[in-house]
Protein backbone atom coordinates (compact mmCIF):
# COMPACT_ATOMS: atom_id res chain seq x y z
CA UNK A 1 136.28 62.01 149.63
CA UNK A 2 138.12 60.06 147.34
CA UNK A 3 140.36 57.61 148.04
CA UNK A 4 144.13 57.07 146.26
CA UNK A 5 146.34 54.09 146.85
CA UNK A 6 149.79 53.90 146.30
CA UNK A 7 151.40 50.54 146.21
CA UNK A 8 155.21 51.42 145.88
CA UNK A 9 157.66 48.97 145.17
CA UNK A 10 161.25 48.95 146.73
CA UNK A 11 164.64 46.97 146.49
CA UNK A 12 167.67 47.89 148.71
CA UNK A 13 166.39 51.46 148.64
CA UNK A 14 165.34 52.74 152.31
CA UNK A 15 166.53 55.69 151.98
CA UNK A 16 164.87 56.58 149.00
CA UNK A 17 161.43 55.11 150.12
CA UNK A 18 161.86 57.75 153.26
CA UNK A 19 162.01 60.42 150.67
CA UNK A 20 159.25 59.38 148.81
CA UNK A 21 157.00 58.75 151.60
CA UNK A 22 157.80 61.77 152.94
CA UNK A 23 156.81 63.78 149.46
CA UNK A 24 153.80 61.87 149.68
CA UNK A 25 152.63 62.84 152.56
CA UNK A 26 153.45 66.53 151.88
CA UNK A 27 151.17 66.50 148.97
CA UNK A 28 148.55 64.54 150.80
CA UNK A 29 148.56 66.82 153.74
CA UNK A 30 147.31 70.04 150.72
CA UNK A 31 144.05 67.44 150.06
CA UNK A 32 143.41 66.12 153.40
CA UNK A 33 139.84 67.27 153.36
CA UNK A 34 139.13 65.87 149.83
CA UNK A 35 141.07 63.06 149.43
CA UNK A 36 142.47 60.00 151.73
CA UNK A 37 146.21 58.55 150.45
CA UNK A 38 147.06 55.33 151.76
CA UNK A 39 150.47 53.87 150.95
CA UNK A 40 151.47 50.10 150.56
CA UNK A 41 155.00 49.12 150.61
CA UNK A 42 156.16 46.14 148.52
CA UNK A 43 159.59 45.36 149.98
CA UNK A 44 161.61 43.22 147.35
CA UNK A 45 164.62 43.22 149.12
CA UNK A 46 163.06 40.42 151.28
CA UNK A 47 161.88 38.34 148.44
CA UNK A 48 162.30 39.87 144.57
CA UNK A 49 159.05 38.97 142.88
CA UNK A 50 159.61 41.58 140.11
CA UNK A 51 157.96 45.21 140.08
CA UNK A 52 154.64 43.88 138.93
CA UNK A 53 155.01 40.55 140.26
CA UNK A 54 155.17 42.53 143.46
CA UNK A 55 152.44 45.08 143.25
CA UNK A 56 150.02 43.38 141.41
CA UNK A 57 148.95 40.91 144.53
CA UNK A 58 147.89 44.07 146.36
CA UNK A 59 146.30 45.82 143.50
CA UNK A 60 144.01 42.67 143.14
CA UNK A 61 143.63 42.45 146.67
CA UNK A 62 142.48 46.01 147.59
CA UNK A 63 142.02 48.50 144.17
CA UNK A 64 138.38 47.92 144.14
CA UNK A 65 138.12 49.95 147.32
CA UNK A 66 139.81 53.09 145.65
CA UNK A 67 139.15 55.71 143.04
CA UNK A 68 142.88 55.80 142.15
CA UNK A 69 145.64 53.40 142.45
CA UNK A 70 149.10 53.74 141.29
CA UNK A 71 151.93 51.57 141.14
CA UNK A 72 155.84 53.03 141.53
CA UNK A 73 159.12 53.05 142.12
CA UNK A 74 160.62 54.88 144.85
CA UNK A 75 163.11 56.82 143.64
CA UNK A 76 161.07 59.58 143.11
CA UNK A 77 159.54 62.93 144.88
CA UNK A 78 155.96 64.04 144.06
CA UNK A 79 155.69 67.78 143.84
CA UNK A 80 153.47 69.26 146.99
CA UNK A 81 150.49 70.40 144.71
CA UNK A 82 150.37 66.85 143.15
CA UNK A 83 147.22 65.38 144.63
CA UNK A 84 145.44 68.93 144.01
CA UNK A 85 145.75 68.88 140.44
CA UNK A 86 144.82 65.46 140.55
CA UNK A 87 141.45 66.06 142.17
CA UNK A 88 140.93 68.62 139.22
CA UNK A 89 141.33 66.44 136.27
CA UNK A 90 138.00 64.98 134.64
CA UNK A 91 138.64 61.14 134.31
CA UNK A 92 135.70 60.20 132.02
CA UNK A 93 136.96 57.52 129.95
CA UNK A 94 140.47 57.83 131.08
CA UNK A 95 141.71 54.69 132.43
CA UNK A 96 145.50 55.59 132.74
CA UNK A 97 146.82 59.00 134.00
CA UNK A 98 150.85 59.40 133.25
CA UNK A 99 152.18 62.77 134.68
CA UNK A 100 155.18 64.82 134.42
CA UNK A 101 158.15 62.75 135.49
CA UNK A 102 161.08 64.58 135.11
CA UNK A 103 164.87 63.32 135.42
CA UNK A 104 167.05 66.29 136.24
CA UNK A 105 170.32 64.91 135.92
CA UNK A 106 169.61 63.99 132.65
CA UNK A 107 167.19 67.12 131.71
CA UNK A 108 164.69 64.70 130.36
CA UNK A 109 160.71 64.07 130.77
CA UNK A 110 159.99 60.38 130.88
CA UNK A 111 156.31 61.01 129.67
CA UNK A 112 154.69 60.85 127.09
CA UNK A 113 156.64 57.73 127.29
CA UNK A 114 154.80 55.90 123.84
CA UNK A 115 152.87 58.05 121.62
CA UNK A 116 151.35 55.12 119.53
CA UNK A 117 151.11 51.48 119.70
CA UNK A 118 153.69 49.26 118.88
CA UNK A 119 154.30 47.15 115.87
CA UNK A 120 155.04 43.43 115.33
CA UNK A 121 158.22 44.88 113.74
CA UNK A 122 158.76 47.01 117.12
CA UNK A 123 158.78 43.45 118.94
CA UNK A 124 161.29 41.86 115.97
CA UNK A 125 163.68 44.79 116.71
CA UNK A 126 163.52 44.77 120.33
CA UNK A 127 164.17 40.99 120.31
CA UNK A 128 167.03 41.40 118.06
CA UNK A 129 168.55 44.19 120.44
CA UNK A 130 168.09 42.13 123.66
CA UNK A 131 169.79 39.56 122.13
CA UNK A 132 173.39 41.44 121.96
CA UNK A 133 174.59 43.30 124.80
CA UNK A 134 177.01 45.79 123.17
CA UNK A 135 173.72 46.45 120.53
CA UNK A 136 171.41 47.14 123.38
CA UNK A 137 174.22 49.65 124.89
CA UNK A 138 174.43 51.28 121.70
CA UNK A 139 171.20 51.61 120.96
CA UNK A 140 170.39 53.13 124.30
CA UNK A 141 173.20 55.86 123.57
CA UNK A 142 171.40 56.44 120.33
CA UNK A 143 168.28 56.49 121.70
CA UNK A 144 169.25 59.09 124.41
CA UNK A 145 171.52 61.30 121.43
CA UNK A 146 168.39 61.52 119.13
CA UNK A 147 166.02 62.38 121.86
CA UNK A 148 168.14 65.13 123.43
CA UNK A 149 166.16 68.01 122.18
CA UNK A 150 162.38 67.08 123.49
CA UNK A 151 159.21 68.37 122.26
CA UNK A 152 157.04 69.92 124.88
CA UNK A 153 153.74 68.76 125.24
CA UNK A 154 150.61 69.56 126.58
CA UNK A 155 147.97 67.32 128.29
CA UNK A 156 147.00 64.44 125.37
CA UNK A 157 146.42 60.86 124.78
CA UNK A 158 149.24 58.57 124.48
CA UNK A 159 149.32 55.17 123.94
CA UNK A 160 151.59 54.47 127.39
CA UNK A 161 152.83 56.10 130.07
CA UNK A 162 156.57 55.44 131.83
CA UNK A 163 156.46 52.86 134.38
CA UNK A 164 158.52 54.28 137.22
CA UNK A 165 154.81 55.74 138.12
CA UNK A 166 151.38 54.26 136.56
CA UNK A 167 148.52 56.02 138.00
CA UNK A 168 145.07 54.20 137.53
CA UNK A 169 141.28 55.35 137.51
CA UNK A 170 138.57 53.71 138.80
CA UNK A 171 137.22 53.12 135.44
CA UNK A 172 140.37 50.83 134.74
CA UNK A 173 140.11 49.53 138.23
CA UNK A 174 136.36 48.33 137.80
CA UNK A 175 137.45 46.35 134.20
CA UNK A 176 140.70 45.47 135.63
CA UNK A 177 139.96 43.88 139.10
CA UNK A 178 142.59 41.52 138.42
CA UNK A 179 145.85 41.48 136.56
CA UNK A 180 148.74 39.12 136.10
CA UNK A 181 152.04 40.15 134.40
CA UNK A 182 153.58 37.54 132.46
CA UNK A 183 156.86 38.33 132.79
CA UNK A 184 159.26 39.14 135.72
CA UNK A 185 160.51 42.85 134.82
CA UNK A 186 160.07 45.31 131.97
CA UNK A 187 157.58 45.78 129.32
CA UNK A 188 154.88 46.55 132.11
CA UNK A 189 154.29 50.00 130.02
CA UNK A 190 153.00 47.94 126.94
CA UNK A 191 150.99 45.38 129.10
CA UNK A 192 149.14 48.13 131.29
CA UNK A 193 148.65 49.84 127.66
CA UNK A 194 146.86 47.13 126.32
CA UNK A 195 144.60 46.52 129.48
CA UNK A 196 143.50 49.96 129.05
CA UNK A 197 143.06 49.50 125.15
CA UNK A 198 141.08 46.43 125.64
CA UNK A 199 139.25 48.29 128.41
CA UNK A 200 138.07 50.77 125.58
CA UNK A 201 139.62 53.49 127.68
CA UNK A 202 142.57 56.00 127.24
CA UNK A 203 145.95 56.91 128.54
CA UNK A 204 146.21 60.80 128.83
CA UNK A 205 149.07 62.85 129.47
CA UNK A 206 148.84 65.30 132.49
CA UNK A 207 151.80 67.66 132.69
CA UNK A 208 150.34 69.59 135.37
CA UNK A 209 150.84 66.43 137.54
CA UNK A 210 154.46 66.68 138.45
CA UNK A 211 157.21 64.06 140.07
CA UNK A 212 160.87 64.38 140.43
CA UNK A 213 162.43 60.98 139.25
CA UNK A 214 165.90 61.33 141.79
CA UNK A 215 167.61 58.21 140.27
CA UNK A 216 167.19 54.55 139.25
CA UNK A 217 168.05 52.58 142.11
CA UNK A 218 166.61 49.50 141.76
CA UNK A 219 167.49 48.18 138.23
CA UNK A 220 171.05 50.15 138.66
CA UNK A 221 171.71 47.07 140.77
CA UNK A 222 171.08 44.98 138.33
CA UNK A 223 173.60 43.91 135.17
CA UNK A 224 172.75 44.46 131.51
CA UNK A 225 172.79 41.12 130.64
CA UNK A 226 170.48 40.22 133.27
CA UNK A 227 167.97 43.21 132.09
CA UNK A 228 168.07 42.20 128.53
CA UNK A 229 167.10 38.37 129.40
CA UNK A 230 164.28 39.90 131.52
CA UNK A 231 162.99 42.39 128.92
CA UNK A 232 163.30 39.49 125.89
CA UNK A 233 161.16 37.08 128.45
CA UNK A 234 158.52 39.95 129.11
CA UNK A 235 158.22 41.45 125.64
CA UNK A 236 158.06 37.81 123.99
CA UNK A 237 155.10 36.69 126.36
CA UNK A 238 153.36 40.46 125.83
CA UNK A 239 153.48 39.91 122.21
CA UNK A 240 152.04 36.40 122.16
CA UNK A 241 149.17 37.69 124.13
CA UNK A 242 148.11 40.70 122.52
CA UNK A 243 149.87 41.04 119.54
């Protein structure tokens, strides 16, 4: 029997947590003979340690016991056949499986998140954008307009999946038994993609694994200036380590 650990991080989002856990239980019920699904809840409302700052202590302590480990937000809902589809995937050489995360309110698929590895030029541009709040807002608006008409992707190898739900295989866990994120929040996707790359594994987009994104609860409670500051801090640290 396969074992799956789901580490979910909540921040003043009890109702969303309840619905998310219900969706996990519904999906797990479909594979109860083939997979054991365990849930660990990180409540950042008591002490906000950041997204990975809250999740990684549990990952480091327990991941070695599992075939799959995911780190996620709670403003999501798993489609009932999620685990049924997962057990059919050949995970050889895959370190990170990126599911199809669909945001209905903006009609957007969040994965594939990053197709190719960023360059030092990308980091320079991001650093400039995050240094100015109005520039960030303009950049974000133009990004949404540019990506309004999305290409439909089949299963493929990508650089990084979306951070709201990151699913790692035993291959990744075996080569990364302990992780320590160098920032507070943001940039998690690049950090994890670089850990996959260092392990000589791949990130695989799998559209058969479906998740509904029902909101951006946690980050919606934070002002833009703080988001930009956290983004700059994390990206600069990641650049120094990996680029």
